[in-house]
Amino acid sequence: MGALGKGSSALALALALSMGCGDDEDAGGGAPVDAGMDAATSTGNGGVDAGGFACTSYTPPTGGMCGGTHCQENLASLEANGSPERACRKPEEAASLCSLRAPQAVSECVPQSIQQNGKSIAACAAPKLPELSAGCLDCFVRSAECALAQCLTQCINTNTPACDRCRRDSGCARVFYDCSGFADPIPGD
C-alpha cells in the first residue's frame, strides 16, 4: 500500500472513493444549480433519464441539475427528498453534494491519509468544507473509508463503472445515504 500513496495513483483512487467525482473545473466552486428551480423539473427516475442514461458518481453537474448519481435531480429536489432525521439538514450541505464540492474535497484528503499512515480524512476535509456540520462531514468520510477498505482494486483507476458497482455492492453508498439522510437516487440498494 506504500507505493499506492505516491503520485497519480493515489489521487485517482481518492477521486473514485468519495461519494462522487466531478471535473477539476468544478472543484473550487459552489453549487452550479439554480436553487430556485422547481423540484418538478427532476425526472425522479432513480438516477436514470428517459433515454436510459445512468448517472455515475462522476457525472458533472450541468444545466441546473446536480452532479454524481443525483444527475437527474436539481437542488430543490435533492433537499425535498431527504429524511427529516438526516445528518445533512442545512441547505448548504445539499448544495455541497449537488455541486460535488464535498465529495471532491473528501476525495482530495484520501491520498494524504494513505501517505501519512492513517491521518484523519475528516481532519483534512473539515477546513475545506466549513458549510458542513460535523455529522454531515462524517457521512462523506465514512463512505470514503468504506470504499478504501472494500473497493481499493476496483477504484484504483477512478471514474469507472467497476468502482461505482463495488461501492454499491459493498454497501459503501448505503453507508452514505443511511448516515446523511439524502434519498438514494438508485433504488434497490
C-alpha atoms as a PDB file:
ATOM      1  CA  MET A   1       0.000   0.000   0.000  1.00  0.00           C
ATOM      2  CA  GLY A   2       3.002   2.332   0.448  1.00  0.00           C
ATOM      3  CA  ALA A   3       3.558   2.625  -3.306  1.00  0.00           C
ATOM      4  CA  LEU A   4      -0.095   3.479  -3.754  1.00  0.00           C
ATOM      5  CA  GLY A   5       0.338   6.584  -1.649  1.00  0.00           C
ATOM      6  CA  LYS A   6       2.563   8.191  -4.252  1.00  0.00           C
ATOM      7  CA  GLY A   7       1.758  10.117  -7.376  1.00  0.00           C
ATOM      8  CA  SER A   8      -1.279   9.978  -9.560  1.00  0.00           C
ATOM      9  CA  SER A   9      -2.431   6.518  -8.478  1.00  0.00           C
ATOM     10  CA  ALA A  10      -3.306   7.815  -5.028  1.00  0.00           C
ATOM     11  CA  LEU A  11      -5.081  10.830  -6.469  1.00  0.00           C
ATOM     12  CA  ALA A  12      -7.018   8.672  -8.910  1.00  0.00           C
ATOM     13  CA  LEU A  13      -8.013   6.379  -6.073  1.00  0.00           C
ATOM     14  CA  ALA A  14      -9.100   9.298  -3.935  1.00  0.00           C
ATOM     15  CA  LEU A  15     -11.381  10.659  -6.602  1.00  0.00           C
ATOM     16  CA  ALA A  16     -13.069   7.337  -7.034  1.00  0.00           C
ATOM     17  CA  LEU A  17     -13.513   6.582  -3.345  1.00  0.00           C
ATOM     18  CA  SER A  18     -15.554   9.540  -2.264  1.00  0.00           C
ATOM     19  CA  MET A  19     -19.263   9.973  -2.800  1.00  0.00           C
ATOM     20  CA  GLY A  20     -18.943  11.398  -6.325  1.00  0.00           C
ATOM     21  CA  CYS A  21     -16.355  12.693  -8.681  1.00  0.00           C
ATOM     22  CA  GLY A  22     -16.512  15.728 -10.907  1.00  0.00           C
ATOM     23  CA  ASP A  23     -14.290  17.538 -13.324  1.00  0.00           C
ATOM     24  CA  ASP A  24     -11.363  19.554 -11.985  1.00  0.00           C
ATOM     25  CA  GLU A  25     -13.071  22.742 -13.114  1.00  0.00           C
ATOM     26  CA  ASP A  26     -15.872  22.077 -10.609  1.00  0.00           C
ATOM     27  CA  ALA A  27     -13.528  21.635  -7.644  1.00  0.00           C
ATOM     28  CA  GLY A  28     -13.497  25.152  -6.267  1.00  0.00           C
ATOM     29  CA  GLY A  29     -16.977  26.480  -6.821  1.00  0.00           C
ATOM     30  CA  GLY A  30     -20.309  26.408  -5.154  1.00  0.00           C
ATOM     31  CA  ALA A  31     -23.414  24.755  -6.481  1.00  0.00           C
ATOM     32  CA  PRO A  32     -23.864  25.439 -10.189  1.00  0.00           C
ATOM     33  CA  VAL A  33     -27.541  24.591  -9.941  1.00  0.00           C
ATOM     34  CA  ASP A  34     -30.348  27.103  -9.728  1.00  0.00           C
ATOM     35  CA  ALA A  35     -31.665  26.804  -6.203  1.00  0.00           C
ATOM     36  CA  GLY A  36     -34.890  28.451  -7.347  1.00  0.00           C
ATOM     37  CA  MET A  37     -35.733  25.745  -9.877  1.00  0.00           C
ATOM     38  CA  ASP A  38     -38.961  23.898  -9.294  1.00  0.00           C
ATOM     39  CA  ALA A  39     -38.494  20.411  -7.866  1.00  0.00           C
ATOM     40  CA  ALA A  40     -40.784  19.060 -10.577  1.00  0.00           C
ATOM     41  CA  THR A  41     -38.012  19.505 -13.136  1.00  0.00           C
ATOM     42  CA  SER A  42     -36.281  16.477 -11.640  1.00  0.00           C
ATOM     43  CA  THR A  43     -37.089  13.289 -13.534  1.00  0.00           C
ATOM     44  CA  GLY A  44     -37.449  11.212 -10.388  1.00  0.00           C
ATOM     45  CA  ASN A  45     -36.336   8.126 -12.326  1.00  0.00           C
ATOM     46  CA  GLY A  46     -33.838   6.837  -9.804  1.00  0.00           C
ATOM     47  CA  GLY A  47     -30.708   8.203 -11.455  1.00  0.00           C
ATOM     48  CA  VAL A  48     -31.754   7.238 -14.997  1.00  0.00           C
ATOM     49  CA  ASP A  49     -33.158   9.679 -17.542  1.00  0.00           C
ATOM     50  CA  ALA A  50     -35.820   8.949 -20.174  1.00  0.00           C
ATOM     51  CA  GLY A  51     -33.104   7.914 -22.641  1.00  0.00           C
ATOM     52  CA  GLY A  52     -31.787   5.289 -20.239  1.00  0.00           C
ATOM     53  CA  PHE A  53     -28.637   7.253 -19.302  1.00  0.00           C
ATOM     54  CA  ALA A  54     -27.469   6.108 -15.891  1.00  0.00           C
ATOM     55  CA  CYS A  55     -25.921   8.713 -13.668  1.00  0.00           C
ATOM     56  CA  THR A  56     -22.480   7.823 -12.354  1.00  0.00           C
ATOM     57  CA  SER A  57     -20.619   9.078  -9.313  1.00  0.00           C
ATOM     58  CA  TYR A  58     -18.539  11.191 -11.695  1.00  0.00           C
ATOM     59  CA  THR A  59     -21.314  12.736 -13.818  1.00  0.00           C
ATOM     60  CA  PRO A  60     -20.644  16.502 -13.697  1.00  0.00           C
ATOM     61  CA  PRO A  61     -23.404  18.933 -12.720  1.00  0.00           C
ATOM     62  CA  THR A  62     -24.934  20.524 -15.828  1.00  0.00           C
ATOM     63  CA  GLY A  63     -27.955  22.511 -16.892  1.00  0.00           C
ATOM     64  CA  GLY A  64     -29.239  23.205 -13.397  1.00  0.00           C
ATOM     65  CA  MET A  65     -29.041  19.544 -12.412  1.00  0.00           C
ATOM     66  CA  CYS A  66     -26.877  18.089  -9.661  1.00  0.00           C
ATOM     67  CA  GLY A  67     -23.782  16.038 -10.360  1.00  0.00           C
ATOM     68  CA  GLY A  68     -22.894  12.498  -9.441  1.00  0.00           C
ATOM     69  CA  THR A  69     -25.580   9.874  -9.021  1.00  0.00           C
ATOM     70  CA  HIS A  70     -28.026  12.731  -8.415  1.00  0.00           C
ATOM     71  CA  CYS A  71     -27.652  13.981 -12.007  1.00  0.00           C
ATOM     72  CA  GLN A  72     -31.387  13.737 -12.617  1.00  0.00           C
ATOM     73  CA  GLU A  73     -32.236  15.940  -9.633  1.00  0.00           C
ATOM     74  CA  ASN A  74     -31.933  19.641  -9.088  1.00  0.00           C
ATOM     75  CA  LEU A  75     -31.017  21.184  -5.755  1.00  0.00           C
ATOM     76  CA  ALA A  76     -34.639  21.730  -4.689  1.00  0.00           C
ATOM     77  CA  SER A  77     -35.474  18.084  -5.376  1.00  0.00           C
ATOM     78  CA  LEU A  78     -32.376  16.846  -3.538  1.00  0.00           C
ATOM     79  CA  GLU A  79     -33.345  18.879  -0.468  1.00  0.00           C
ATOM     80  CA  ALA A  80     -37.029  17.885  -0.609  1.00  0.00           C
ATOM     81  CA  ASN A  81     -36.455  14.141  -0.940  1.00  0.00           C
ATOM     82  CA  GLY A  82     -34.312  13.673   2.160  1.00  0.00           C
ATOM     83  CA  SER A  83     -35.267  12.251   5.523  1.00  0.00           C
ATOM     84  CA  PRO A  84     -36.236  14.810   8.183  1.00  0.00           C
ATOM     85  CA  GLU A  85     -33.949  12.954  10.618  1.00  0.00           C
ATOM     86  CA  ARG A  86     -30.889  13.330   8.421  1.00  0.00           C
ATOM     87  CA  ALA A  87     -27.395  14.366   9.464  1.00  0.00           C
ATOM     88  CA  CYS A  88     -27.121  16.700   6.467  1.00  0.00           C
ATOM     89  CA  ARG A  89     -30.008  19.130   7.053  1.00  0.00           C
ATOM     90  CA  LYS A  90     -28.637  22.525   6.039  1.00  0.00           C
ATOM     91  CA  PRO A  91     -29.298  23.843   2.513  1.00  0.00           C
ATOM     92  CA  GLU A  92     -25.542  24.429   2.156  1.00  0.00           C
ATOM     93  CA  GLU A  93     -24.920  20.720   2.778  1.00  0.00           C
ATOM     94  CA  ALA A  94     -27.283  19.713  -0.013  1.00  0.00           C
ATOM     95  CA  ALA A  95     -25.653  22.284  -2.303  1.00  0.00           C
ATOM     96  CA  SER A  96     -22.230  20.864  -1.463  1.00  0.00           C
ATOM     97  CA  LEU A  97     -23.364  17.363  -2.502  1.00  0.00           C
ATOM     98  CA  CYS A  98     -25.233  18.628  -5.564  1.00  0.00           C
ATOM     99  CA  SER A  99     -22.200  20.555  -6.865  1.00  0.00           C
ATOM    100  CA  LEU A 100     -19.854  17.658  -5.946  1.00  0.00           C
ATOM    101  CA  ARG A 101     -17.851  20.095  -3.774  1.00  0.00           C
ATOM    102  CA  ALA A 102     -17.973  17.881  -0.655  1.00  0.00           C
ATOM    103  CA  PRO A 103     -17.222  14.594  -2.440  1.00  0.00           C
ATOM    104  CA  GLN A 104     -14.263  16.188  -4.207  1.00  0.00           C
ATOM    105  CA  ALA A 105     -12.872  17.787  -1.053  1.00  0.00           C
ATOM    106  CA  VAL A 106     -13.095  14.500   0.863  1.00  0.00           C
ATOM    107  CA  SER A 107     -11.505  12.636  -2.049  1.00  0.00           C
ATOM    108  CA  GLU A 108      -8.567  15.064  -2.066  1.00  0.00           C
ATOM    109  CA  CYS A 109      -7.854  14.023   1.526  1.00  0.00           C
ATOM    110  CA  VAL A 110      -7.700  10.271   0.894  1.00  0.00           C
ATOM    111  CA  PRO A 111      -4.152  10.283  -0.586  1.00  0.00           C
ATOM    112  CA  GLN A 112      -2.920  12.254   2.441  1.00  0.00           C
ATOM    113  CA  SER A 113      -4.486   9.653   4.707  1.00  0.00           C
ATOM    114  CA  ILE A 114      -2.737   6.866   2.789  1.00  0.00           C
ATOM    115  CA  GLN A 115       0.608   8.668   2.607  1.00  0.00           C
ATOM    116  CA  GLN A 116       0.581   9.672   6.255  1.00  0.00           C
ATOM    117  CA  ASN A 117      -0.394   6.242   7.597  1.00  0.00           C
ATOM    118  CA  GLY A 118      -3.956   6.938   8.569  1.00  0.00           C
ATOM    119  CA  LYS A 119      -4.087  10.698   9.035  1.00  0.00           C
ATOM    120  CA  SER A 120      -7.711  11.524   9.593  1.00  0.00           C
ATOM    121  CA  ILE A 121      -9.626  12.194   6.387  1.00  0.00           C
ATOM    122  CA  ALA A 122     -12.053  14.269   8.453  1.00  0.00           C
ATOM    123  CA  ALA A 123      -9.288  16.468   9.915  1.00  0.00           C
ATOM    124  CA  CYS A 124      -8.064  17.178   6.405  1.00  0.00           C
ATOM    125  CA  ALA A 125     -11.529  17.798   4.910  1.00  0.00           C
ATOM    126  CA  ALA A 126     -13.145  19.876   7.674  1.00  0.00           C
ATOM    127  CA  PRO A 127     -11.281  23.139   6.921  1.00  0.00           C
ATOM    128  CA  LYS A 128     -12.137  22.750   3.215  1.00  0.00           C
ATOM    129  CA  LEU A 129     -15.850  22.303   3.936  1.00  0.00           C
ATOM    130  CA  PRO A 130     -16.962  24.873   6.518  1.00  0.00           C
ATOM    131  CA  GLU A 131     -20.531  24.581   5.192  1.00  0.00           C
ATOM    132  CA  LEU A 132     -20.837  21.023   6.540  1.00  0.00           C
ATOM    133  CA  SER A 133     -21.796  20.157  10.085  1.00  0.00           C
ATOM    134  CA  ALA A 134     -19.554  17.619  11.808  1.00  0.00           C
ATOM    135  CA  GLY A 135     -22.270  14.987  11.463  1.00  0.00           C
ATOM    136  CA  CYS A 136     -22.706  15.572   7.740  1.00  0.00           C
ATOM    137  CA  LEU A 137     -18.954  15.552   7.108  1.00  0.00           C
ATOM    138  CA  ASP A 138     -18.779  12.241   8.959  1.00  0.00           C
ATOM    139  CA  CYS A 139     -21.192  10.706   6.426  1.00  0.00           C
ATOM    140  CA  PHE A 140     -18.916  11.597   3.498  1.00  0.00           C
ATOM    141  CA  VAL A 141     -15.835  10.389   5.387  1.00  0.00           C
ATOM    142  CA  ARG A 142     -17.414   7.075   6.431  1.00  0.00           C
ATOM    143  CA  SER A 143     -18.386   6.344   2.828  1.00  0.00           C
ATOM    144  CA  ALA A 144     -14.855   7.119   1.603  1.00  0.00           C
ATOM    145  CA  GLU A 145     -13.310   4.953   4.342  1.00  0.00           C
ATOM    146  CA  CYS A 146     -15.650   2.103   3.428  1.00  0.00           C
ATOM    147  CA  ALA A 147     -14.659   2.316  -0.237  1.00  0.00           C
ATOM    148  CA  LEU A 148     -10.986   2.486   0.687  1.00  0.00           C
ATOM    149  CA  ALA A 149     -11.363  -0.732   2.656  1.00  0.00           C
ATOM    150  CA  GLN A 150     -13.717  -2.551   0.285  1.00  0.00           C
ATOM    151  CA  CYS A 151     -13.023  -1.269  -3.237  1.00  0.00           C
ATOM    152  CA  LEU A 152      -9.330  -0.490  -3.488  1.00  0.00           C
ATOM    153  CA  THR A 153      -8.759  -2.639  -6.577  1.00  0.00           C
ATOM    154  CA  GLN A 154     -11.884  -1.511  -8.413  1.00  0.00           C
ATOM    155  CA  CYS A 155     -11.381   2.169  -7.665  1.00  0.00           C
ATOM    156  CA  ILE A 156      -7.638   2.492  -8.325  1.00  0.00           C
ATOM    157  CA  ASN A 157      -8.327   3.646 -11.901  1.00  0.00           C
ATOM    158  CA  THR A 158     -11.061   6.076 -10.808  1.00  0.00           C
ATOM    159  CA  ASN A 159     -14.203   7.074 -12.660  1.00  0.00           C
ATOM    160  CA  THR A 160     -15.138   3.572 -13.731  1.00  0.00           C
ATOM    161  CA  PRO A 161     -18.364   1.614 -13.663  1.00  0.00           C
ATOM    162  CA  ALA A 162     -16.491  -1.099 -11.711  1.00  0.00           C
ATOM    163  CA  CYS A 163     -15.759   1.366  -8.913  1.00  0.00           C
ATOM    164  CA  ASP A 164     -19.359   2.585  -8.782  1.00  0.00           C
ATOM    165  CA  ARG A 165     -20.602  -1.018  -8.790  1.00  0.00           C
ATOM    166  CA  CYS A 166     -18.229  -2.030  -5.985  1.00  0.00           C
ATOM    167  CA  ARG A 167     -19.246   0.955  -3.851  1.00  0.00           C
ATOM    168  CA  ARG A 168     -22.879  -0.072  -4.285  1.00  0.00           C
ATOM    169  CA  ASP A 169     -22.362  -3.833  -3.900  1.00  0.00           C
ATOM    170  CA  SER A 170     -20.171  -3.465  -0.811  1.00  0.00           C
ATOM    171  CA  GLY A 171     -22.629  -1.120   0.890  1.00  0.00           C
ATOM    172  CA  CYS A 172     -20.441   1.990   0.827  1.00  0.00           C
ATOM    173  CA  ALA A 173     -23.061   4.054  -0.997  1.00  0.00           C
ATOM    174  CA  ARG A 174     -25.657   2.830   1.522  1.00  0.00           C
ATOM    175  CA  VAL A 175     -23.338   3.957   4.352  1.00  0.00           C
ATOM    176  CA  PHE A 176     -23.553   7.493   2.981  1.00  0.00           C
ATOM    177  CA  TYR A 177     -27.308   7.550   2.383  1.00  0.00           C
ATOM    178  CA  ASP A 178     -28.188   5.948   5.727  1.00  0.00           C
ATOM    179  CA  CYS A 179     -25.984   8.462   7.530  1.00  0.00           C
ATOM    180  CA  SER A 180     -26.743  11.628   5.562  1.00  0.00           C
ATOM    181  CA  GLY A 181     -30.471  11.082   5.123  1.00  0.00           C
ATOM    182  CA  PHE A 182     -30.393  12.096   1.464  1.00  0.00           C
ATOM    183  CA  ALA A 183     -32.605   9.882  -0.673  1.00  0.00           C
ATOM    184  CA  ASP A 184     -30.659   7.304  -2.641  1.00  0.00           C
ATOM    185  CA  PRO A 185     -31.356   8.045  -6.323  1.00  0.00           C
ATOM    186  CA  ILE A 186     -30.732   4.416  -7.300  1.00  0.00           C
ATOM    187  CA  PRO A 187     -33.425   2.231  -5.723  1.00  0.00           C
ATOM    188  CA  GLY A 188     -32.812  -1.301  -4.611  1.00  0.00           C
ATOM    189  CA  ASP A 189     -29.637  -0.854  -2.601  1.00  0.00           C
END
